[in-house]
Amino acid sequence: MTKTTTLSKARLVAALGSTALCATAALALPRFADWAPPVSIEALPASSTAINTAAIDGCASLSRDGLTLFFNSNRSGNFDIFVATRASRDEGFGEPQRLPAPINTSANESCPTFTQDHRLFFSSDREDSAYDIYAARWQAGEWTDPVNLGGNINRPGWLDETPTFYEDEQGREVMIFSSRLPGGTQGKIYQSVEFGPATLVEGGVNSAGSDNRPSITHDGLTLFFDSTRSGGAGGPDLHVASRTSVSEPFGPATNLRSLNSPGFDARPWVSWDGRDLIYASIRGTGEGGPDILWTSREKATPGAKEVIF
């Protein structure tokens, strides 16, 4: 079994560092027009046709520059993490490659998040059959041994997944993630300041349904996630909630109806600049599913329809 360690909060911060968002964290995103109709990520120009398969492909995220795609797939049997790259944001991603050990193991690895300072966060059942969150760093041309984020974040018997980060007004790194029962119920979205004890995210994000797989904009003001709350199109749907300050709770959640289907729509990941959104979906036009879909939006022009998220 590949080596993994569990560290105290102080040693965890020392081992993994922080994303050092600094001045960019305080810059709010511009207003945007509405999202374009979603398409398969393979519809991007010159994209590889090996990203979506008849297997389960999804829980994807993008690097800050938008040039690297991370996702999970069980195309080889168990769930592994794959990566695909592109040369510019005007083209599609190349053929995906399975990440080597110590990231992927004989266990299941899923739902990767890659930060701007080369940390990879992901979930694995290598120690807890319900999945814990781990982190490793790309350093000197190789991956460091994954570190279990420990008891402040991971709960035995609960599926902990999809970390997303922003910097608060005090310059502290805030991680938002979800935790649910393995059957998909009772999901709630939590936050942890510098890997300290997790608390529920306040406001309209959590509901009586199962709320999971968040993605926060880099200014900390808009949170995308999926939810089974009432009023949806069927299965989990994509939702969004916003706020005017990182010191305030989020406002009511809005169903992203133009992006949802009667089936499964989950883990919306918003790009660093807020322009692109990727997510996993099962719908009749896919290759089996879930598949990774892509949508984008333009900055709002004077007089045009605007959305606050």
C-alpha atoms as a PDB file:
ATOM      1  CA  MET A   1       0.000   0.000   0.000  1.00  0.00           C
ATOM      2  CA  THR A   2       1.319   3.471  -0.869  1.00  0.00           C
ATOM      3  CA  LYS A   3       2.481   5.464   2.124  1.00  0.00           C
ATOM      4  CA  THR A   4       0.063   8.045   3.542  1.00  0.00           C
ATOM      5  CA  THR A   5       0.332  10.076   6.724  1.00  0.00           C
ATOM      6  CA  THR A   6      -2.046  11.944   9.013  1.00  0.00           C
ATOM      7  CA  LEU A   7      -0.700  15.164  10.527  1.00  0.00           C
ATOM      8  CA  SER A   8      -1.776  17.625  13.213  1.00  0.00           C
ATOM      9  CA  LYS A   9      -3.135  20.999  12.044  1.00  0.00           C
ATOM     10  CA  ALA A  10       0.186  22.786  12.616  1.00  0.00           C
ATOM     11  CA  ARG A  11       2.219  20.128  10.826  1.00  0.00           C
ATOM     12  CA  LEU A  12      -0.380  19.927   8.057  1.00  0.00           C
ATOM     13  CA  VAL A  13      -0.089  23.663   7.360  1.00  0.00           C
ATOM     14  CA  ALA A  14       3.694  23.410   7.431  1.00  0.00           C
ATOM     15  CA  ALA A  15       3.723  20.426   5.087  1.00  0.00           C
ATOM     16  CA  LEU A  16       1.243  21.725   2.531  1.00  0.00           C
ATOM     17  CA  GLY A  17       1.654  25.485   2.787  1.00  0.00           C
ATOM     18  CA  SER A  18      -1.109  27.778   1.536  1.00  0.00           C
ATOM     19  CA  THR A  19      -2.324  29.001  -1.813  1.00  0.00           C
ATOM     20  CA  ALA A  20      -1.012  32.531  -1.127  1.00  0.00           C
ATOM     21  CA  LEU A  21      -3.849  34.208  -2.987  1.00  0.00           C
ATOM     22  CA  CYS A  22      -2.819  37.592  -1.569  1.00  0.00           C
ATOM     23  CA  ALA A  23      -4.021  40.676  -3.438  1.00  0.00           C
ATOM     24  CA  THR A  24      -5.972  38.792  -6.079  1.00  0.00           C
ATOM     25  CA  ALA A  25      -8.383  37.398  -3.499  1.00  0.00           C
ATOM     26  CA  ALA A  26      -9.963  40.800  -2.838  1.00  0.00           C
ATOM     27  CA  LEU A  27     -10.777  41.450  -6.498  1.00  0.00           C
ATOM     28  CA  ALA A  28     -14.431  40.731  -7.207  1.00  0.00           C
ATOM     29  CA  LEU A  29     -15.360  39.042 -10.451  1.00  0.00           C
ATOM     30  CA  PRO A  30     -17.141  41.110 -13.115  1.00  0.00           C
ATOM     31  CA  ARG A  31     -20.815  40.703 -13.924  1.00  0.00           C
ATOM     32  CA  PHE A  32     -21.611  38.179 -16.613  1.00  0.00           C
ATOM     33  CA  ALA A  33     -24.297  37.347 -19.134  1.00  0.00           C
ATOM     34  CA  ASP A  34     -26.063  33.993 -18.806  1.00  0.00           C
ATOM     35  CA  TRP A  35     -24.415  30.610 -19.430  1.00  0.00           C
ATOM     36  CA  ALA A  36     -24.318  29.216 -22.960  1.00  0.00           C
ATOM     37  CA  PRO A  37     -26.044  25.855 -23.585  1.00  0.00           C
ATOM     38  CA  PRO A  38     -23.776  23.097 -22.207  1.00  0.00           C
ATOM     39  CA  VAL A  39     -21.920  20.748 -24.551  1.00  0.00           C
ATOM     40  CA  SER A  40     -19.654  17.760 -24.124  1.00  0.00           C
ATOM     41  CA  ILE A  41     -16.146  18.887 -23.232  1.00  0.00           C
ATOM     42  CA  GLU A  42     -15.079  16.923 -26.315  1.00  0.00           C
ATOM     43  CA  ALA A  43     -16.896  19.524 -28.456  1.00  0.00           C
ATOM     44  CA  LEU A  44     -14.074  22.009 -27.811  1.00  0.00           C
ATOM     45  CA  PRO A  45     -11.859  22.498 -30.909  1.00  0.00           C
ATOM     46  CA  ALA A  46      -9.335  19.702 -31.514  1.00  0.00           C
ATOM     47  CA  SER A  47     -10.355  17.908 -28.316  1.00  0.00           C
ATOM     48  CA  SER A  48      -9.399  14.331 -27.613  1.00  0.00           C
ATOM     49  CA  THR A  49     -12.335  11.932 -27.914  1.00  0.00           C
ATOM     50  CA  ALA A  50     -10.990   9.885 -25.000  1.00  0.00           C
ATOM     51  CA  ILE A  51     -12.096  12.205 -22.188  1.00  0.00           C
ATOM     52  CA  ASN A  52     -15.694  10.987 -21.954  1.00  0.00           C
ATOM     53  CA  THR A  53     -16.256   7.245 -22.223  1.00  0.00           C
ATOM     54  CA  ALA A  54     -18.992   4.718 -21.510  1.00  0.00           C
ATOM     55  CA  ALA A  55     -17.595   4.563 -17.961  1.00  0.00           C
ATOM     56  CA  ILE A  56     -18.179   7.098 -15.162  1.00  0.00           C
ATOM     57  CA  ASP A  57     -16.189  10.241 -16.013  1.00  0.00           C
ATOM     58  CA  GLY A  58     -16.601  13.348 -13.894  1.00  0.00           C
ATOM     59  CA  CYS A  59     -15.925  15.227 -10.661  1.00  0.00           C
ATOM     60  CA  ALA A  60     -13.615  17.405 -12.756  1.00  0.00           C
ATOM     61  CA  SER A  61     -11.711  20.613 -12.027  1.00  0.00           C
ATOM     62  CA  LEU A  62      -9.405  23.023 -13.841  1.00  0.00           C
ATOM     63  CA  SER A  63      -6.034  24.506 -12.978  1.00  0.00           C
ATOM     64  CA  ARG A  64      -5.952  28.261 -12.379  1.00  0.00           C
ATOM     65  CA  ASP A  65      -4.725  28.991 -15.929  1.00  0.00           C
ATOM     66  CA  GLY A  66      -7.438  26.763 -17.412  1.00  0.00           C
ATOM     67  CA  LEU A  67      -4.913  24.649 -19.313  1.00  0.00           C
ATOM     68  CA  THR A  68      -5.057  21.464 -17.228  1.00  0.00           C
ATOM     69  CA  LEU A  69      -8.109  19.306 -16.591  1.00  0.00           C
ATOM     70  CA  PHE A  70      -8.240  16.867 -13.671  1.00  0.00           C
ATOM     71  CA  PHE A  71     -11.049  14.329 -13.337  1.00  0.00           C
ATOM     72  CA  ASN A  72     -11.873  10.849 -12.093  1.00  0.00           C
ATOM     73  CA  SER A  73     -12.896   7.818 -14.128  1.00  0.00           C
ATOM     74  CA  ASN A  74     -13.520   4.135 -13.497  1.00  0.00           C
ATOM     75  CA  ARG A  75     -12.665   3.175 -17.095  1.00  0.00           C
ATOM     76  CA  SER A  76      -9.921   0.878 -15.787  1.00  0.00           C
ATOM     77  CA  GLY A  77     -12.086  -0.797 -13.154  1.00  0.00           C
ATOM     78  CA  ASN A  78     -11.658   1.164  -9.932  1.00  0.00           C
ATOM     79  CA  PHE A  79     -11.747   4.972  -9.781  1.00  0.00           C
ATOM     80  CA  ASP A  80      -8.504   6.728 -10.731  1.00  0.00           C
ATOM     81  CA  ILE A  81      -7.518  10.346 -11.288  1.00  0.00           C
ATOM     82  CA  PHE A  82      -6.688  11.421 -14.832  1.00  0.00           C
ATOM     83  CA  VAL A  83      -5.175  14.615 -16.240  1.00  0.00           C
ATOM     84  CA  ALA A  84      -5.428  16.205 -19.704  1.00  0.00           C
ATOM     85  CA  THR A  85      -3.751  19.388 -20.943  1.00  0.00           C
ATOM     86  CA  ARG A  86      -4.061  21.932 -23.739  1.00  0.00           C
ATOM     87  CA  ALA A  87      -1.801  24.668 -25.106  1.00  0.00           C
ATOM     88  CA  SER A  88      -4.347  27.510 -24.995  1.00  0.00           C
ATOM     89  CA  ARG A  89      -7.882  28.258 -23.842  1.00  0.00           C
ATOM     90  CA  ASP A  90      -9.022  28.423 -27.456  1.00  0.00           C
ATOM     91  CA  GLU A  91      -8.709  24.670 -27.947  1.00  0.00           C
ATOM     92  CA  GLY A  92      -9.760  21.377 -26.424  1.00  0.00           C
ATOM     93  CA  PHE A  93      -7.839  19.070 -24.115  1.00  0.00           C
ATOM     94  CA  GLY A  94      -5.521  16.323 -25.311  1.00  0.00           C
ATOM     95  CA  GLU A  95      -5.662  12.642 -24.494  1.00  0.00           C
ATOM     96  CA  PRO A  96      -5.995  12.066 -20.743  1.00  0.00           C
ATOM     97  CA  GLN A  97      -3.288  10.297 -18.767  1.00  0.00           C
ATOM     98  CA  ARG A  98      -3.716   8.334 -15.537  1.00  0.00           C
ATOM     99  CA  LEU A  99      -1.706   9.863 -12.696  1.00  0.00           C
ATOM    100  CA  PRO A 100       0.991   7.562 -11.280  1.00  0.00           C
ATOM    101  CA  ALA A 101       1.575   6.427  -7.708  1.00  0.00           C
ATOM    102  CA  PRO A 102       1.508   7.686  -5.035  1.00  0.00           C
ATOM    103  CA  ILE A 103      -1.661   9.481  -6.197  1.00  0.00           C
ATOM    104  CA  ASN A 104      -3.461   6.501  -7.737  1.00  0.00           C
ATOM    105  CA  THR A 105      -3.342   3.190  -5.911  1.00  0.00           C
ATOM    106  CA  SER A 106      -5.186  -0.123  -5.945  1.00  0.00           C
ATOM    107  CA  ALA A 107      -7.871   1.711  -3.937  1.00  0.00           C
ATOM    108  CA  ASN A 108     -10.290   4.307  -5.388  1.00  0.00           C
ATOM    109  CA  GLU A 109      -9.207   7.910  -5.935  1.00  0.00           C
ATOM    110  CA  SER A 110     -11.646  10.630  -6.988  1.00  0.00           C
ATOM    111  CA  CYS A 111     -12.699  14.280  -7.176  1.00  0.00           C
ATOM    112  CA  PRO A 112      -9.330  16.066  -7.626  1.00  0.00           C
ATOM    113  CA  THR A 113      -8.676  19.768  -6.991  1.00  0.00           C
ATOM    114  CA  PHE A 114      -5.344  21.290  -8.096  1.00  0.00           C
ATOM    115  CA  THR A 115      -4.333  24.589  -6.462  1.00  0.00           C
ATOM    116  CA  GLN A 116      -2.190  27.343  -7.904  1.00  0.00           C
ATOM    117  CA  ASP A 117       0.798  26.374  -5.747  1.00  0.00           C
ATOM    118  CA  HIS A 118       0.795  22.787  -7.067  1.00  0.00           C
ATOM    119  CA  ARG A 119      -1.122  21.019  -4.328  1.00  0.00           C
ATOM    120  CA  LEU A 120      -3.478  18.236  -5.372  1.00  0.00           C
ATOM    121  CA  PHE A 121      -6.423  17.495  -3.081  1.00  0.00           C
ATOM    122  CA  PHE A 122      -8.470  14.372  -3.730  1.00  0.00           C
ATOM    123  CA  SER A 123     -10.629  11.747  -2.033  1.00  0.00           C
ATOM    124  CA  SER A 124      -9.666   8.109  -1.540  1.00  0.00           C
ATOM    125  CA  ASP A 125     -10.958   5.021   0.251  1.00  0.00           C
ATOM    126  CA  ARG A 126      -7.433   3.715   0.892  1.00  0.00           C
ATOM    127  CA  GLU A 127      -7.964   4.017   4.664  1.00  0.00           C
ATOM    128  CA  ASP A 128     -11.683   4.741   5.186  1.00  0.00           C
ATOM    129  CA  SER A 129     -14.088   2.853   2.921  1.00  0.00           C
ATOM    130  CA  ALA A 130     -16.326   5.937   2.869  1.00  0.00           C
ATOM    131  CA  TYR A 131     -13.458   8.157   1.487  1.00  0.00           C
ATOM    132  CA  ASP A 132     -11.248  10.754   3.196  1.00  0.00           C
ATOM    133  CA  ILE A 133      -9.648  13.855   1.676  1.00  0.00           C
ATOM    134  CA  TYR A 134      -5.886  13.738   1.032  1.00  0.00           C
ATOM    135  CA  ALA A 135      -3.377  16.231  -0.299  1.00  0.00           C
ATOM    136  CA  ALA A 136      -0.068  15.871  -2.121  1.00  0.00           C
ATOM    137  CA  ARG A 137       2.239  18.378  -3.803  1.00  0.00           C
ATOM    138  CA  TRP A 138       3.895  18.369  -7.228  1.00  0.00           C
ATOM    139  CA  GLN A 139       7.501  19.067  -6.290  1.00  0.00           C
ATOM    140  CA  ALA A 140      10.787  18.632  -8.158  1.00  0.00           C
ATOM    141  CA  GLY A 141       9.071  16.689 -10.926  1.00  0.00           C
ATOM    142  CA  GLU A 142       7.220  14.167  -8.766  1.00  0.00           C
ATOM    143  CA  TRP A 143       4.306  13.836  -6.371  1.00  0.00           C
ATOM    144  CA  THR A 144       4.937  13.849  -2.645  1.00  0.00           C
ATOM    145  CA  ASP A 145       3.295  11.175  -0.495  1.00  0.00           C
ATOM    146  CA  PRO A 146      -0.379  12.033   0.097  1.00  0.00           C
ATOM    147  CA  VAL A 147      -1.319  13.402   3.511  1.00  0.00           C
ATOM    148  CA  ASN A 148      -4.649  12.592   5.187  1.00  0.00           C
ATOM    149  CA  LEU A 149      -6.251  15.908   6.231  1.00  0.00           C
ATOM    150  CA  GLY A 150      -7.179  14.426   9.585  1.00  0.00           C
ATOM    151  CA  GLY A 151     -10.048  14.604  12.039  1.00  0.00           C
ATOM    152  CA  ASN A 152     -10.828  18.308  11.647  1.00  0.00           C
ATOM    153  CA  ILE A 153     -11.932  17.549   8.087  1.00  0.00           C
ATOM    154  CA  ASN A 154     -12.512  13.827   7.636  1.00  0.00           C
ATOM    155  CA  ARG A 155     -15.192  11.893   9.522  1.00  0.00           C
ATOM    156  CA  PRO A 156     -15.111   8.099   9.746  1.00  0.00           C
ATOM    157  CA  GLY A 157     -17.905   6.566   7.685  1.00  0.00           C
ATOM    158  CA  TRP A 158     -18.671   9.801   5.796  1.00  0.00           C
ATOM    159  CA  LEU A 159     -17.681  10.610   2.205  1.00  0.00           C
ATOM    160  CA  ASP A 160     -15.582  13.785   2.387  1.00  0.00           C
ATOM    161  CA  GLU A 161     -14.771  15.400  -0.965  1.00  0.00           C
ATOM    162  CA  THR A 162     -14.184  18.315  -3.371  1.00  0.00           C
ATOM    163  CA  PRO A 163     -12.153  20.955  -1.502  1.00  0.00           C
ATOM    164  CA  THR A 164     -12.283  24.467  -2.961  1.00  0.00           C
ATOM    165  CA  PHE A 165     -10.406  27.502  -1.635  1.00  0.00           C
ATOM    166  CA  TYR A 166     -10.460  31.260  -1.157  1.00  0.00           C
ATOM    167  CA  GLU A 167      -8.699  33.762   1.108  1.00  0.00           C
ATOM    168  CA  ASP A 168     -10.683  35.633   3.773  1.00  0.00           C
ATOM    169  CA  GLU A 169     -10.338  39.270   4.858  1.00  0.00           C
ATOM    170  CA  GLN A 170      -7.669  38.306   7.389  1.00  0.00           C
ATOM    171  CA  GLY A 171      -5.534  36.620   4.741  1.00  0.00           C
ATOM    172  CA  ARG A 172      -6.374  33.118   5.951  1.00  0.00           C
ATOM    173  CA  GLU A 173      -6.908  30.190   3.607  1.00  0.00           C
ATOM    174  CA  VAL A 174     -10.487  28.918   3.796  1.00  0.00           C
ATOM    175  CA  MET A 175     -11.330  25.477   2.452  1.00  0.00           C
ATOM    176  CA  ILE A 176     -14.935  24.640   1.557  1.00  0.00           C
ATOM    177  CA  PHE A 177     -15.884  20.985   1.014  1.00  0.00           C
ATOM    178  CA  SER A 178     -18.784  18.582   1.387  1.00  0.00           C
ATOM    179  CA  SER A 179     -19.446  15.514   3.497  1.00  0.00           C
ATOM    180  CA  ARG A 180     -22.231  12.982   2.968  1.00  0.00           C
ATOM    181  CA  LEU A 181     -23.192   9.416   3.672  1.00  0.00           C
ATOM    182  CA  PRO A 182     -21.900   6.947   1.047  1.00  0.00           C
ATOM    183  CA  GLY A 183     -25.453   6.455  -0.251  1.00  0.00           C
ATOM    184  CA  GLY A 184     -25.599  10.126  -1.237  1.00  0.00           C
ATOM    185  CA  THR A 185     -27.894  11.359   1.540  1.00  0.00           C
ATOM    186  CA  GLN A 186     -27.451  13.958   4.306  1.00  0.00           C
ATOM    187  CA  GLY A 187     -24.799  15.883   2.396  1.00  0.00           C
ATOM    188  CA  LYS A 188     -23.762  19.195   3.911  1.00  0.00           C
ATOM    189  CA  ILE A 189     -21.214  21.827   2.877  1.00  0.00           C
ATOM    190  CA  TYR A 190     -18.563  22.799   5.409  1.00  0.00           C
ATOM    191  CA  GLN A 191     -15.695  25.238   5.715  1.00  0.00           C
ATOM    192  CA  SER A 192     -12.363  25.025   7.496  1.00  0.00           C
ATOM    193  CA  VAL A 193      -9.982  27.908   8.176  1.00  0.00           C
ATOM    194  CA  GLU A 194      -6.386  26.786   7.657  1.00  0.00           C
ATOM    195  CA  PHE A 195      -7.370  23.130   8.231  1.00  0.00           C
ATOM    196  CA  GLY A 196      -8.958  23.885  11.607  1.00  0.00           C
ATOM    197  CA  PRO A 197     -12.240  22.368  12.860  1.00  0.00           C
ATOM    198  CA  ALA A 198     -14.894  22.300  10.139  1.00  0.00           C
ATOM    199  CA  THR A 199     -18.148  24.230  10.554  1.00  0.00           C
ATOM    200  CA  LEU A 200     -21.272  24.368   8.396  1.00  0.00           C
ATOM    201  CA  VAL A 201     -21.300  27.068   5.732  1.00  0.00           C
ATOM    202  CA  GLU A 202     -23.887  29.645   6.779  1.00  0.00           C
ATOM    203  CA  GLY A 203     -26.776  30.957   4.706  1.00  0.00           C
ATOM    204  CA  GLY A 204     -28.810  29.378   1.931  1.00  0.00           C
ATOM    205  CA  VAL A 205     -26.272  26.767   0.847  1.00  0.00           C
ATOM    206  CA  ASN A 206     -27.328  23.893   3.085  1.00  0.00           C
ATOM    207  CA  SER A 207     -30.889  22.584   2.958  1.00  0.00           C
ATOM    208  CA  ALA A 208     -33.118  19.683   3.920  1.00  0.00           C
ATOM    209  CA  GLY A 209     -31.839  17.914   0.810  1.00  0.00           C
ATOM    210  CA  SER A 210     -28.319  16.603   0.204  1.00  0.00           C
ATOM    211  CA  ASP A 211     -25.933  19.452  -0.686  1.00  0.00           C
ATOM    212  CA  ASN A 212     -22.559  18.485  -2.110  1.00  0.00           C
ATOM    213  CA  ARG A 213     -19.460  19.116  -4.236  1.00  0.00           C
ATOM    214  CA  PRO A 214     -18.904  22.899  -3.956  1.00  0.00           C
ATOM    215  CA  SER A 215     -16.754  25.235  -6.055  1.00  0.00           C
ATOM    216  CA  ILE A 216     -16.054  28.783  -4.825  1.00  0.00           C
ATOM    217  CA  THR A 217     -15.046  31.729  -7.005  1.00  0.00           C
ATOM    218  CA  HIS A 218     -11.614  33.059  -6.090  1.00  0.00           C
ATOM    219  CA  ASP A 219     -13.101  36.182  -4.476  1.00  0.00           C
ATOM    220  CA  GLY A 220     -15.054  33.962  -2.069  1.00  0.00           C
ATOM    221  CA  LEU A 221     -18.383  35.551  -3.020  1.00  0.00           C
ATOM    222  CA  THR A 222     -20.109  32.939  -5.185  1.00  0.00           C
ATOM    223  CA  LEU A 223     -20.506  29.242  -4.435  1.00  0.00           C
ATOM    224  CA  PHE A 224     -21.586  26.644  -7.003  1.00  0.00           C
ATOM    225  CA  PHE A 225     -22.689  23.188  -5.791  1.00  0.00           C
ATOM    226  CA  ASP A 226     -25.137  20.380  -6.482  1.00  0.00           C
ATOM    227  CA  SER A 227     -28.199  19.630  -4.411  1.00  0.00           C
ATOM    228  CA  THR A 228     -31.201  17.309  -4.201  1.00  0.00           C
ATOM    229  CA  ARG A 229     -33.337  20.007  -2.529  1.00  0.00           C
ATOM    230  CA  SER A 230     -36.967  20.321  -3.618  1.00  0.00           C
ATOM    231  CA  GLY A 231     -37.906  22.117  -6.814  1.00  0.00           C
ATOM    232  CA  GLY A 232     -35.223  20.550  -8.997  1.00  0.00           C
ATOM    233  CA  ALA A 233     -35.381  18.971 -12.440  1.00  0.00           C
ATOM    234  CA  GLY A 234     -34.569  15.503 -11.115  1.00  0.00           C
ATOM    235  CA  GLY A 235     -31.557  13.911  -9.414  1.00  0.00           C
ATOM    236  CA  PRO A 236     -29.034  16.374  -8.038  1.00  0.00           C
ATOM    237  CA  ASP A 237     -29.174  19.755  -9.776  1.00  0.00           C
ATOM    238  CA  LEU A 238     -26.607  22.539 -10.042  1.00  0.00           C
ATOM    239  CA  HIS A 239     -27.212  25.501  -7.743  1.00  0.00           C
ATOM    240  CA  VAL A 240     -25.456  28.761  -6.922  1.00  0.00           C
ATOM    241  CA  ALA A 241     -25.479  31.138  -3.947  1.00  0.00           C
ATOM    242  CA  SER A 242     -23.771  34.493  -3.570  1.00  0.00           C
ATOM    243  CA  ARG A 243     -22.904  37.121  -0.972  1.00  0.00           C
ATOM    244  CA  THR A 244     -21.439  40.631  -0.970  1.00  0.00           C
ATOM    245  CA  SER A 245     -18.661  39.993   1.568  1.00  0.00           C
ATOM    246  CA  VAL A 246     -16.733  36.930   2.742  1.00  0.00           C
ATOM    247  CA  SER A 247     -17.675  37.869   6.323  1.00  0.00           C
ATOM    248  CA  GLU A 248     -21.398  37.438   5.543  1.00  0.00           C
ATOM    249  CA  PRO A 249     -23.519  34.306   5.116  1.00  0.00           C
ATOM    250  CA  PHE A 250     -24.552  33.271   1.610  1.00  0.00           C
ATOM    251  CA  GLY A 251     -27.925  34.350   0.288  1.00  0.00           C
ATOM    252  CA  PRO A 252     -30.626  31.998  -1.022  1.00  0.00           C
ATOM    253  CA  ALA A 253     -29.523  29.347  -3.493  1.00  0.00           C
ATOM    254  CA  THR A 254     -30.655  29.581  -7.118  1.00  0.00           C
ATOM    255  CA  ASN A 255     -31.251  26.559  -9.344  1.00  0.00           C
ATOM    256  CA  LEU A 256     -29.200  26.832 -12.567  1.00  0.00           C
ATOM    257  CA  ARG A 257     -32.132  25.566 -14.614  1.00  0.00           C
ATOM    258  CA  SER A 258     -30.615  26.167 -18.042  1.00  0.00           C
ATOM    259  CA  LEU A 259     -27.760  23.771 -17.191  1.00  0.00           C
ATOM    260  CA  ASN A 260     -29.710  21.020 -15.442  1.00  0.00           C
ATOM    261  CA  SER A 261     -31.388  17.939 -16.882  1.00  0.00           C
ATOM    262  CA  PRO A 262     -33.937  15.418 -15.544  1.00  0.00           C
ATOM    263  CA  GLY A 263     -30.984  13.188 -14.661  1.00  0.00           C
ATOM    264  CA  PHE A 264     -27.754  13.569 -12.708  1.00  0.00           C
ATOM    265  CA  ASP A 265     -25.942  16.960 -12.735  1.00  0.00           C
ATOM    266  CA  ALA A 266     -23.123  17.376 -10.232  1.00  0.00           C
ATOM    267  CA  ARG A 267     -19.850  18.991  -9.204  1.00  0.00           C
ATOM    268  CA  PRO A 268     -19.972  22.316 -10.991  1.00  0.00           C
ATOM    269  CA  TRP A 269     -16.425  23.715 -11.178  1.00  0.00           C
ATOM    270  CA  VAL A 270     -16.024  27.392 -12.020  1.00  0.00           C
ATOM    271  CA  SER A 271     -12.822  28.627 -13.660  1.00  0.00           C
ATOM    272  CA  TRP A 272     -10.553  31.154 -11.943  1.00  0.00           C
ATOM    273  CA  ASP A 273     -11.843  34.032 -14.079  1.00  0.00           C
ATOM    274  CA  GLY A 274     -15.481  32.943 -13.711  1.00  0.00           C
ATOM    275  CA  ARG A 275     -15.902  32.499 -17.461  1.00  0.00           C
ATOM    276  CA  ASP A 276     -16.148  28.715 -17.772  1.00  0.00           C
ATOM    277  CA  LEU A 277     -18.022  26.004 -15.891  1.00  0.00           C
ATOM    278  CA  ILE A 278     -17.568  22.241 -16.130  1.00  0.00           C
ATOM    279  CA  TYR A 279     -19.689  19.573 -14.499  1.00  0.00           C
ATOM    280  CA  ALA A 280     -20.734  15.927 -14.726  1.00  0.00           C
ATOM    281  CA  SER A 281     -24.097  15.006 -16.215  1.00  0.00           C
ATOM    282  CA  ILE A 282     -26.104  11.999 -17.330  1.00  0.00           C
ATOM    283  CA  ARG A 283     -28.353  12.898 -20.264  1.00  0.00           C
ATOM    284  CA  GLY A 284     -29.463  11.202 -23.462  1.00  0.00           C
ATOM    285  CA  THR A 285     -26.786  12.842 -25.625  1.00  0.00           C
ATOM    286  CA  GLY A 286     -23.879  11.407 -23.600  1.00  0.00           C
ATOM    287  CA  GLU A 287     -21.626   8.403 -24.071  1.00  0.00           C
ATOM    288  CA  GLY A 288     -22.992   6.462 -21.110  1.00  0.00           C
ATOM    289  CA  GLY A 289     -22.315   8.626 -18.196  1.00  0.00           C
ATOM    290  CA  PRO A 290     -21.827  10.622 -16.361  1.00  0.00           C
ATOM    291  CA  ASP A 291     -19.918  12.683 -18.927  1.00  0.00           C
ATOM    292  CA  ILE A 292     -18.053  15.958 -18.455  1.00  0.00           C
ATOM    293  CA  LEU A 293     -19.923  18.950 -19.894  1.00  0.00           C
ATOM    294  CA  TRP A 294     -18.673  22.457 -20.663  1.00  0.00           C
ATOM    295  CA  THR A 295     -20.354  25.852 -20.690  1.00  0.00           C
ATOM    296  CA  SER A 296     -19.068  29.416 -20.794  1.00  0.00           C
ATOM    297  CA  ARG A 297     -20.344  32.976 -20.497  1.00  0.00           C
ATOM    298  CA  GLU A 298     -19.302  36.448 -21.567  1.00  0.00           C
ATOM    299  CA  LYS A 299     -18.895  39.584 -19.496  1.00  0.00           C
ATOM    300  CA  ALA A 300     -22.137  41.530 -19.431  1.00  0.00           C
ATOM    301  CA  THR A 301     -22.299  44.502 -21.787  1.00  0.00           C
ATOM    302  CA  PRO A 302     -24.256  47.720 -21.030  1.00  0.00           C
ATOM    303  CA  GLY A 303     -27.960  47.131 -21.511  1.00  0.00           C
ATOM    304  CA  ALA A 304     -27.617  43.352 -21.791  1.00  0.00           C
ATOM    305  CA  LYS A 305     -29.141  40.819 -19.407  1.00  0.00           C
ATOM    306  CA  GLU A 306     -26.942  40.362 -16.374  1.00  0.00           C
ATOM    307  CA  VAL A 307     -26.784  37.719 -13.666  1.00  0.00           C
ATOM    308  CA  ILE A 308     -25.301  38.320 -10.226  1.00  0.00           C
ATOM    309  CA  PHE A 309     -23.421  35.047 -10.326  1.00  0.00           C
END
